Amino acid sequence: MKLLLVEDEPELLASLVSYLQAQHYVCEVATTYAQAQEKMLLYNYECIVLDLTLPGGDGLELLRELQRHQKAAGVIITSARAAVDDRITGLELGADDYLPKPFYLPELSARISALVRRRHYQGTNLLQAGKLTVDVPARRATVESQPVTLTRTEFDLLLLLLANQGRVITKGAIAEHLSGDAAEQFDTFESVYAHVKNLKRKLADAGAPNYIRMVYGLGYRFDPSSDT
């Protein structure tokens, strides 16, 4: 799952990245208003962690930008601003949560997890598609109770496909989702092909049908109705 961390305090940002990466998130960062605006509008994120006081602009205006462009990312505001009006305005502009600074990193992680479950997985920890069951917080996949051992990247790929069942996910979108700021390192998408191939093989070895279908020239689609 991919996050955008918008924060201009270097020490706090480093702590956020270190902690959340250890929780299996792909983290992109922005330290200025302009960087955040560019990434928010160009890319898609499961959650944006947004500081309001940024060099070059106000985080509340970034929320307005998200509204204008109908971007669907969940947003958690983290701010030292104590004014109730700022909290109310942020929530009215579409933020999902408001966490005042200073905060505990485990609490932020728990709020991110809850937000992602609400927005992408109908508020549940367990996802089911055909014979496949995925326990999101435990990062565990089974096929009719048969465990499937996945790497972190393979599990994130599976979640991306499950959250977009029936829709084609382009190879570029997969690369960007799995690697964040390092997407350019996916040379000619060879890494994407390899991760998809390994995921399909592991699911098949556990007894799952061929749920992951290649759409030639575009990308991949998760089709839970497949039985071959």
C-alpha atoms as a PDB file:
ATOM      1  CA  MET A   1       0.000   0.000   0.000  1.00  0.00           C
ATOM      2  CA  LYS A   2       1.346   3.374  -0.998  1.00  0.00           C
ATOM      3  CA  LEU A   3       1.406   6.528   1.101  1.00  0.00           C
ATOM      4  CA  LEU A   4       2.364  10.130   0.431  1.00  0.00           C
ATOM      5  CA  LEU A   5       3.948  11.780   3.468  1.00  0.00           C
ATOM      6  CA  VAL A   6       3.759  15.575   3.264  1.00  0.00           C
ATOM      7  CA  GLU A   7       5.995  16.954   5.994  1.00  0.00           C
ATOM      8  CA  ASP A   8       8.712  19.639   6.092  1.00  0.00           C
ATOM      9  CA  GLU A   9      10.370  18.703   9.403  1.00  0.00           C
ATOM     10  CA  PRO A  10      13.345  16.486   8.408  1.00  0.00           C
ATOM     11  CA  GLU A  11      13.616  14.522  11.655  1.00  0.00           C
ATOM     12  CA  LEU A  12       9.913  13.803  11.865  1.00  0.00           C
ATOM     13  CA  LEU A  13       9.787  12.854   8.189  1.00  0.00           C
ATOM     14  CA  ALA A  14      12.693  10.439   8.606  1.00  0.00           C
ATOM     15  CA  SER A  15      10.947   8.842  11.590  1.00  0.00           C
ATOM     16  CA  LEU A  16       7.694   8.534   9.646  1.00  0.00           C
ATOM     17  CA  VAL A  17       9.373   6.875   6.675  1.00  0.00           C
ATOM     18  CA  SER A  18      11.378   4.473   8.833  1.00  0.00           C
ATOM     19  CA  TYR A  19       8.416   3.421  10.969  1.00  0.00           C
ATOM     20  CA  LEU A  20       5.835   3.116   8.191  1.00  0.00           C
ATOM     21  CA  GLN A  21       8.167   1.240   5.856  1.00  0.00           C
ATOM     22  CA  ALA A  22       8.664  -1.253   8.678  1.00  0.00           C
ATOM     23  CA  GLN A  23       4.853  -1.616   8.667  1.00  0.00           C
ATOM     24  CA  HIS A  24       5.088  -2.666   4.988  1.00  0.00           C
ATOM     25  CA  TYR A  25       3.988   0.623   3.407  1.00  0.00           C
ATOM     26  CA  VAL A  26       5.563   2.106   0.290  1.00  0.00           C
ATOM     27  CA  CYS A  27       6.320   5.713   1.239  1.00  0.00           C
ATOM     28  CA  GLU A  28       6.720   8.692  -1.051  1.00  0.00           C
ATOM     29  CA  VAL A  29       7.594  12.065   0.445  1.00  0.00           C
ATOM     30  CA  ALA A  30       7.018  15.743  -0.263  1.00  0.00           C
ATOM     31  CA  THR A  31       8.582  18.522   1.792  1.00  0.00           C
ATOM     32  CA  THR A  32       7.077  21.596   0.101  1.00  0.00           C
ATOM     33  CA  TYR A  33       3.683  22.716  -1.129  1.00  0.00           C
ATOM     34  CA  ALA A  34       4.818  22.485  -4.758  1.00  0.00           C
ATOM     35  CA  GLN A  35       6.166  18.937  -4.395  1.00  0.00           C
ATOM     36  CA  ALA A  36       3.008  17.786  -2.658  1.00  0.00           C
ATOM     37  CA  GLN A  37       0.757  19.392  -5.258  1.00  0.00           C
ATOM     38  CA  GLU A  38       2.632  17.745  -8.123  1.00  0.00           C
ATOM     39  CA  LYS A  39       2.575  14.265  -6.608  1.00  0.00           C
ATOM     40  CA  MET A  40      -1.023  14.466  -5.404  1.00  0.00           C
ATOM     41  CA  LEU A  41      -2.286  15.351  -8.871  1.00  0.00           C
ATOM     42  CA  LEU A  42      -0.029  13.019 -10.863  1.00  0.00           C
ATOM     43  CA  TYR A  43      -0.216   9.836  -8.801  1.00  0.00           C
ATOM     44  CA  ASN A  44      -2.640   7.786  -6.745  1.00  0.00           C
ATOM     45  CA  TYR A  45      -2.220   6.921  -3.082  1.00  0.00           C
ATOM     46  CA  GLU A  46      -4.121   4.827  -0.560  1.00  0.00           C
ATOM     47  CA  CYS A  47      -3.515   7.551   2.005  1.00  0.00           C
ATOM     48  CA  ILE A  48      -1.934  11.012   2.196  1.00  0.00           C
ATOM     49  CA  VAL A  49      -0.498  12.118   5.551  1.00  0.00           C
ATOM     50  CA  LEU A  50      -0.667  15.895   5.309  1.00  0.00           C
ATOM     51  CA  ASP A  51       0.976  18.599   7.392  1.00  0.00           C
ATOM     52  CA  LEU A  52      -0.821  21.929   7.025  1.00  0.00           C
ATOM     53  CA  THR A  53       2.116  24.311   7.445  1.00  0.00           C
ATOM     54  CA  LEU A  54       4.384  23.916   4.429  1.00  0.00           C
ATOM     55  CA  PRO A  55       7.022  25.988   2.639  1.00  0.00           C
ATOM     56  CA  GLY A  56       5.278  27.673  -0.261  1.00  0.00           C
ATOM     57  CA  GLY A  57       1.667  27.232   0.737  1.00  0.00           C
ATOM     58  CA  ASP A  58      -1.085  26.001   3.035  1.00  0.00           C
ATOM     59  CA  GLY A  59      -2.045  22.350   3.307  1.00  0.00           C
ATOM     60  CA  LEU A  60      -5.725  23.293   3.364  1.00  0.00           C
ATOM     61  CA  GLU A  61      -5.351  24.580  -0.189  1.00  0.00           C
ATOM     62  CA  LEU A  62      -3.977  21.174  -1.178  1.00  0.00           C
ATOM     63  CA  LEU A  63      -7.217  19.649   0.088  1.00  0.00           C
ATOM     64  CA  ARG A  64      -9.124  22.042  -2.147  1.00  0.00           C
ATOM     65  CA  GLU A  65      -6.946  20.910  -5.073  1.00  0.00           C
ATOM     66  CA  LEU A  66      -7.817  17.280  -4.354  1.00  0.00           C
ATOM     67  CA  GLN A  67     -11.512  18.172  -4.332  1.00  0.00           C
ATOM     68  CA  ARG A  68     -11.296  20.120  -7.589  1.00  0.00           C
ATOM     69  CA  HIS A  69      -9.550  17.245  -9.345  1.00  0.00           C
ATOM     70  CA  GLN A  70     -11.772  14.605  -7.714  1.00  0.00           C
ATOM     71  CA  LYS A  71      -8.823  12.622  -6.390  1.00  0.00           C
ATOM     72  CA  ALA A  72      -9.954   9.736  -4.224  1.00  0.00           C
ATOM     73  CA  ALA A  73      -7.038   9.431  -1.794  1.00  0.00           C
ATOM     74  CA  GLY A  74      -7.752   9.223   1.898  1.00  0.00           C
ATOM     75  CA  VAL A  75      -6.217  12.072   3.892  1.00  0.00           C
ATOM     76  CA  ILE A  76      -5.019  12.253   7.484  1.00  0.00           C
ATOM     77  CA  ILE A  77      -4.005  15.740   8.604  1.00  0.00           C
ATOM     78  CA  THR A  78      -1.117  15.941  11.065  1.00  0.00           C
ATOM     79  CA  SER A  79      -0.610  19.468  12.330  1.00  0.00           C
ATOM     80  CA  ALA A  80       0.605  21.503  15.267  1.00  0.00           C
ATOM     81  CA  ARG A  81      -2.171  24.010  14.640  1.00  0.00           C
ATOM     82  CA  ALA A  82      -4.390  24.032  17.689  1.00  0.00           C
ATOM     83  CA  ALA A  83      -7.276  26.083  16.297  1.00  0.00           C
ATOM     84  CA  VAL A  84     -10.553  24.185  16.163  1.00  0.00           C
ATOM     85  CA  ASP A  85     -11.449  26.118  13.007  1.00  0.00           C
ATOM     86  CA  ASP A  86      -8.516  24.545  11.148  1.00  0.00           C
ATOM     87  CA  ARG A  87      -9.650  21.069  12.165  1.00  0.00           C
ATOM     88  CA  ILE A  88     -13.219  21.732  11.103  1.00  0.00           C
ATOM     89  CA  THR A  89     -12.127  23.266   7.798  1.00  0.00           C
ATOM     90  CA  GLY A  90      -9.845  20.331   7.038  1.00  0.00           C
ATOM     91  CA  LEU A  91     -12.594  17.798   7.671  1.00  0.00           C
ATOM     92  CA  GLU A  92     -15.105  19.838   5.668  1.00  0.00           C
ATOM     93  CA  LEU A  93     -12.645  19.890   2.753  1.00  0.00           C
ATOM     94  CA  GLY A  94     -12.574  16.098   2.672  1.00  0.00           C
ATOM     95  CA  ALA A  95      -9.898  15.005   5.133  1.00  0.00           C
ATOM     96  CA  ASP A  96     -10.770  11.706   6.795  1.00  0.00           C
ATOM     97  CA  ASP A  97      -8.969  12.295  10.081  1.00  0.00           C
ATOM     98  CA  TYR A  98      -7.050  14.941  12.031  1.00  0.00           C
ATOM     99  CA  LEU A  99      -4.163  13.968  14.295  1.00  0.00           C
ATOM    100  CA  PRO A 100      -2.620  16.847  16.273  1.00  0.00           C
ATOM    101  CA  LYS A 101       1.130  17.022  16.797  1.00  0.00           C
ATOM    102  CA  PRO A 102       2.915  15.616  18.667  1.00  0.00           C
ATOM    103  CA  PHE A 103       1.562  12.129  18.071  1.00  0.00           C
ATOM    104  CA  TYR A 104       2.671   8.543  18.562  1.00  0.00           C
ATOM    105  CA  LEU A 105       3.746   6.702  15.419  1.00  0.00           C
ATOM    106  CA  PRO A 106       1.776   3.530  16.322  1.00  0.00           C
ATOM    107  CA  GLU A 107      -1.389   5.639  16.586  1.00  0.00           C
ATOM    108  CA  LEU A 108      -0.787   7.154  13.148  1.00  0.00           C
ATOM    109  CA  SER A 109      -0.184   3.691  11.706  1.00  0.00           C
ATOM    110  CA  ALA A 110      -3.420   2.411  13.269  1.00  0.00           C
ATOM    111  CA  ARG A 111      -5.375   5.331  11.821  1.00  0.00           C
ATOM    112  CA  ILE A 112      -3.874   4.764   8.367  1.00  0.00           C
ATOM    113  CA  SER A 113      -4.803   1.085   8.531  1.00  0.00           C
ATOM    114  CA  ALA A 114      -8.372   1.885   9.593  1.00  0.00           C
ATOM    115  CA  LEU A 115      -8.751   4.491   6.850  1.00  0.00           C
ATOM    116  CA  VAL A 116      -7.495   2.121   4.142  1.00  0.00           C
ATOM    117  CA  ARG A 117      -9.867  -0.625   5.338  1.00  0.00           C
ATOM    118  CA  ARG A 118     -12.843   1.759   5.213  1.00  0.00           C
ATOM    119  CA  ARG A 119     -12.035   3.168   1.804  1.00  0.00           C
ATOM    120  CA  HIS A 120     -10.761   0.142  -0.095  1.00  0.00           C
ATOM    121  CA  TYR A 121     -11.902  -2.997   1.699  1.00  0.00           C
ATOM    122  CA  GLN A 122     -15.410  -2.174   2.969  1.00  0.00           C
ATOM    123  CA  GLY A 123     -14.123  -1.762   6.503  1.00  0.00           C
ATOM    124  CA  THR A 124     -13.154  -5.405   6.871  1.00  0.00           C
ATOM    125  CA  ASN A 125      -9.855  -7.100   7.661  1.00  0.00           C
ATOM    126  CA  LEU A 126     -10.677 -10.157   5.546  1.00  0.00           C
ATOM    127  CA  LEU A 127     -10.978 -10.019   1.764  1.00  0.00           C
ATOM    128  CA  GLN A 128     -12.467 -12.935  -0.144  1.00  0.00           C
ATOM    129  CA  ALA A 129     -12.514 -13.583  -3.877  1.00  0.00           C
ATOM    130  CA  GLY A 130     -13.404 -17.039  -5.105  1.00  0.00           C
ATOM    131  CA  LYS A 131     -11.193 -19.541  -3.284  1.00  0.00           C
ATOM    132  CA  LEU A 132      -8.818 -16.820  -2.090  1.00  0.00           C
ATOM    133  CA  THR A 133      -8.915 -15.226   1.376  1.00  0.00           C
ATOM    134  CA  VAL A 134      -6.618 -12.376   2.407  1.00  0.00           C
ATOM    135  CA  ASP A 135      -6.143 -11.167   5.980  1.00  0.00           C
ATOM    136  CA  VAL A 136      -5.014  -7.572   5.414  1.00  0.00           C
ATOM    137  CA  PRO A 137      -3.473  -6.612   8.799  1.00  0.00           C
ATOM    138  CA  ALA A 138      -1.870 -10.035   9.232  1.00  0.00           C
ATOM    139  CA  ARG A 139      -0.621  -9.882   5.622  1.00  0.00           C
ATOM    140  CA  ARG A 140      -1.638 -13.490   5.119  1.00  0.00           C
ATOM    141  CA  ALA A 141      -3.192 -15.128   2.053  1.00  0.00           C
ATOM    142  CA  THR A 142      -4.824 -18.552   1.865  1.00  0.00           C
ATOM    143  CA  VAL A 143      -6.480 -20.609  -0.851  1.00  0.00           C
ATOM    144  CA  GLU A 144      -9.177 -22.752   0.768  1.00  0.00           C
ATOM    145  CA  SER A 145      -7.135 -22.712   4.024  1.00  0.00           C
ATOM    146  CA  GLN A 146      -3.894 -23.516   2.178  1.00  0.00           C
ATOM    147  CA  PRO A 147      -1.326 -20.832   3.130  1.00  0.00           C
ATOM    148  CA  VAL A 148       0.357 -18.897   0.334  1.00  0.00           C
ATOM    149  CA  THR A 149       3.801 -17.577   1.230  1.00  0.00           C
ATOM    150  CA  LEU A 150       4.260 -14.186  -0.439  1.00  0.00           C
ATOM    151  CA  THR A 151       6.978 -11.571  -0.377  1.00  0.00           C
ATOM    152  CA  ARG A 152       6.047  -8.043   0.703  1.00  0.00           C
ATOM    153  CA  THR A 153       5.925  -6.897  -2.920  1.00  0.00           C
ATOM    154  CA  GLU A 154       3.812  -9.858  -4.019  1.00  0.00           C
ATOM    155  CA  PHE A 155       1.354  -9.243  -1.184  1.00  0.00           C
ATOM    156  CA  ASP A 156       1.086  -5.538  -2.077  1.00  0.00           C
ATOM    157  CA  LEU A 157       0.507  -6.492  -5.716  1.00  0.00           C
ATOM    158  CA  LEU A 158      -2.248  -8.902  -4.684  1.00  0.00           C
ATOM    159  CA  LEU A 159      -3.933  -6.199  -2.580  1.00  0.00           C
ATOM    160  CA  LEU A 160      -3.776  -3.743  -5.487  1.00  0.00           C
ATOM    161  CA  LEU A 161      -5.446  -6.231  -7.817  1.00  0.00           C
ATOM    162  CA  LEU A 162      -8.059  -7.231  -5.230  1.00  0.00           C
ATOM    163  CA  ALA A 163      -8.975  -3.598  -4.557  1.00  0.00           C
ATOM    164  CA  ASN A 164      -9.582  -3.132  -8.289  1.00  0.00           C
ATOM    165  CA  GLN A 165     -11.342  -6.389  -9.183  1.00  0.00           C
ATOM    166  CA  GLY A 166     -12.560  -6.415 -12.761  1.00  0.00           C
ATOM    167  CA  ARG A 167     -10.554  -3.326 -13.719  1.00  0.00           C
ATOM    168  CA  VAL A 168      -7.398  -3.327 -15.823  1.00  0.00           C
ATOM    169  CA  ILE A 169      -4.354  -2.049 -13.922  1.00  0.00           C
ATOM    170  CA  THR A 170      -1.648  -0.831 -16.287  1.00  0.00           C
ATOM    171  CA  LYS A 171       1.931  -2.005 -15.953  1.00  0.00           C
ATOM    172  CA  GLY A 172       2.975   1.574 -15.265  1.00  0.00           C
ATOM    173  CA  ALA A 173       0.429   1.923 -12.469  1.00  0.00           C
ATOM    174  CA  ILE A 174       1.631  -1.325 -10.916  1.00  0.00           C
ATOM    175  CA  ALA A 175       5.280  -0.236 -11.060  1.00  0.00           C
ATOM    176  CA  GLU A 176       4.473   3.145  -9.553  1.00  0.00           C
ATOM    177  CA  HIS A 177       2.328   1.571  -6.823  1.00  0.00           C
ATOM    178  CA  LEU A 178       4.923  -0.985  -5.791  1.00  0.00           C
ATOM    179  CA  SER A 179       8.000   1.216  -5.896  1.00  0.00           C
ATOM    180  CA  GLY A 180       6.832   4.786  -5.325  1.00  0.00           C
ATOM    181  CA  ASP A 181       9.603   7.287  -6.015  1.00  0.00           C
ATOM    182  CA  ALA A 182      11.801   4.480  -7.385  1.00  0.00           C
ATOM    183  CA  ALA A 183       9.382   3.523 -10.195  1.00  0.00           C
ATOM    184  CA  GLU A 184      11.917   4.498 -12.845  1.00  0.00           C
ATOM    185  CA  GLN A 185      14.067   1.589 -11.657  1.00  0.00           C
ATOM    186  CA  PHE A 186      11.512  -0.873 -13.058  1.00  0.00           C
ATOM    187  CA  ASP A 187      13.471  -1.180 -16.318  1.00  0.00           C
ATOM    188  CA  THR A 188      11.014  -1.899 -19.180  1.00  0.00           C
ATOM    189  CA  PHE A 189       8.659  -3.325 -16.552  1.00  0.00           C
ATOM    190  CA  GLU A 190      10.668  -6.531 -16.260  1.00  0.00           C
ATOM    191  CA  SER A 191      10.254  -6.406 -12.483  1.00  0.00           C
ATOM    192  CA  VAL A 192       6.485  -6.055 -12.866  1.00  0.00           C
ATOM    193  CA  TYR A 193       6.364  -9.118 -15.123  1.00  0.00           C
ATOM    194  CA  ALA A 194       8.482 -11.080 -12.652  1.00  0.00           C
ATOM    195  CA  HIS A 195       6.334 -10.167  -9.630  1.00  0.00           C
ATOM    196  CA  VAL A 196       3.099 -10.989 -11.470  1.00  0.00           C
ATOM    197  CA  LYS A 197       4.516 -14.292 -12.710  1.00  0.00           C
ATOM    198  CA  ASN A 198       5.662 -15.277  -9.216  1.00  0.00           C
ATOM    199  CA  LEU A 199       2.334 -14.293  -7.654  1.00  0.00           C
ATOM    200  CA  LYS A 200       0.358 -16.282 -10.225  1.00  0.00           C
ATOM    201  CA  ARG A 201       2.602 -19.318  -9.732  1.00  0.00           C
ATOM    202  CA  LYS A 202       2.266 -19.263  -5.945  1.00  0.00           C
ATOM    203  CA  LEU A 203      -1.521 -18.917  -6.109  1.00  0.00           C
ATOM    204  CA  ALA A 204      -1.716 -21.764  -8.632  1.00  0.00           C
ATOM    205  CA  ASP A 205       0.535 -23.974  -6.496  1.00  0.00           C
ATOM    206  CA  ALA A 206      -1.903 -23.458  -3.606  1.00  0.00           C
ATOM    207  CA  GLY A 207      -4.822 -24.520  -5.799  1.00  0.00           C
ATOM    208  CA  ALA A 208      -6.255 -21.186  -6.948  1.00  0.00           C
ATOM    209  CA  PRO A 209      -7.720 -20.765 -10.428  1.00  0.00           C
ATOM    210  CA  ASN A 210      -6.069 -18.341 -12.846  1.00  0.00           C
ATOM    211  CA  TYR A 211      -7.571 -15.193 -11.329  1.00  0.00           C
ATOM    212  CA  ILE A 212      -4.929 -12.800 -12.690  1.00  0.00           C
ATOM    213  CA  ARG A 213      -5.426 -12.173 -16.389  1.00  0.00           C
ATOM    214  CA  MET A 214      -3.090 -10.306 -18.702  1.00  0.00           C
ATOM    215  CA  VAL A 215      -4.762  -7.747 -20.959  1.00  0.00           C
ATOM    216  CA  TYR A 216      -2.406  -7.569 -23.911  1.00  0.00           C
ATOM    217  CA  GLY A 217      -0.713  -4.219 -24.368  1.00  0.00           C
ATOM    218  CA  LEU A 218      -2.283  -2.757 -21.225  1.00  0.00           C
ATOM    219  CA  GLY A 219      -1.711  -4.601 -17.982  1.00  0.00           C
ATOM    220  CA  TYR A 220      -3.484  -7.047 -15.679  1.00  0.00           C
ATOM    221  CA  ARG A 221      -6.970  -7.655 -14.313  1.00  0.00           C
ATOM    222  CA  PHE A 222      -8.090  -9.694 -11.301  1.00  0.00           C
ATOM    223  CA  ASP A 223     -11.117 -11.753 -12.334  1.00  0.00           C
ATOM    224  CA  PRO A 224     -12.600 -13.729  -9.399  1.00  0.00           C
ATOM    225  CA  SER A 225     -15.096 -15.428 -11.711  1.00  0.00           C
ATOM    226  CA  SER A 226     -12.265 -17.307 -13.458  1.00  0.00           C
ATOM    227  CA  ASP A 227     -12.310 -21.042 -12.819  1.00  0.00           C
ATOM    228  CA  THR A 228      -9.579 -22.187 -15.187  1.00  0.00           C
END
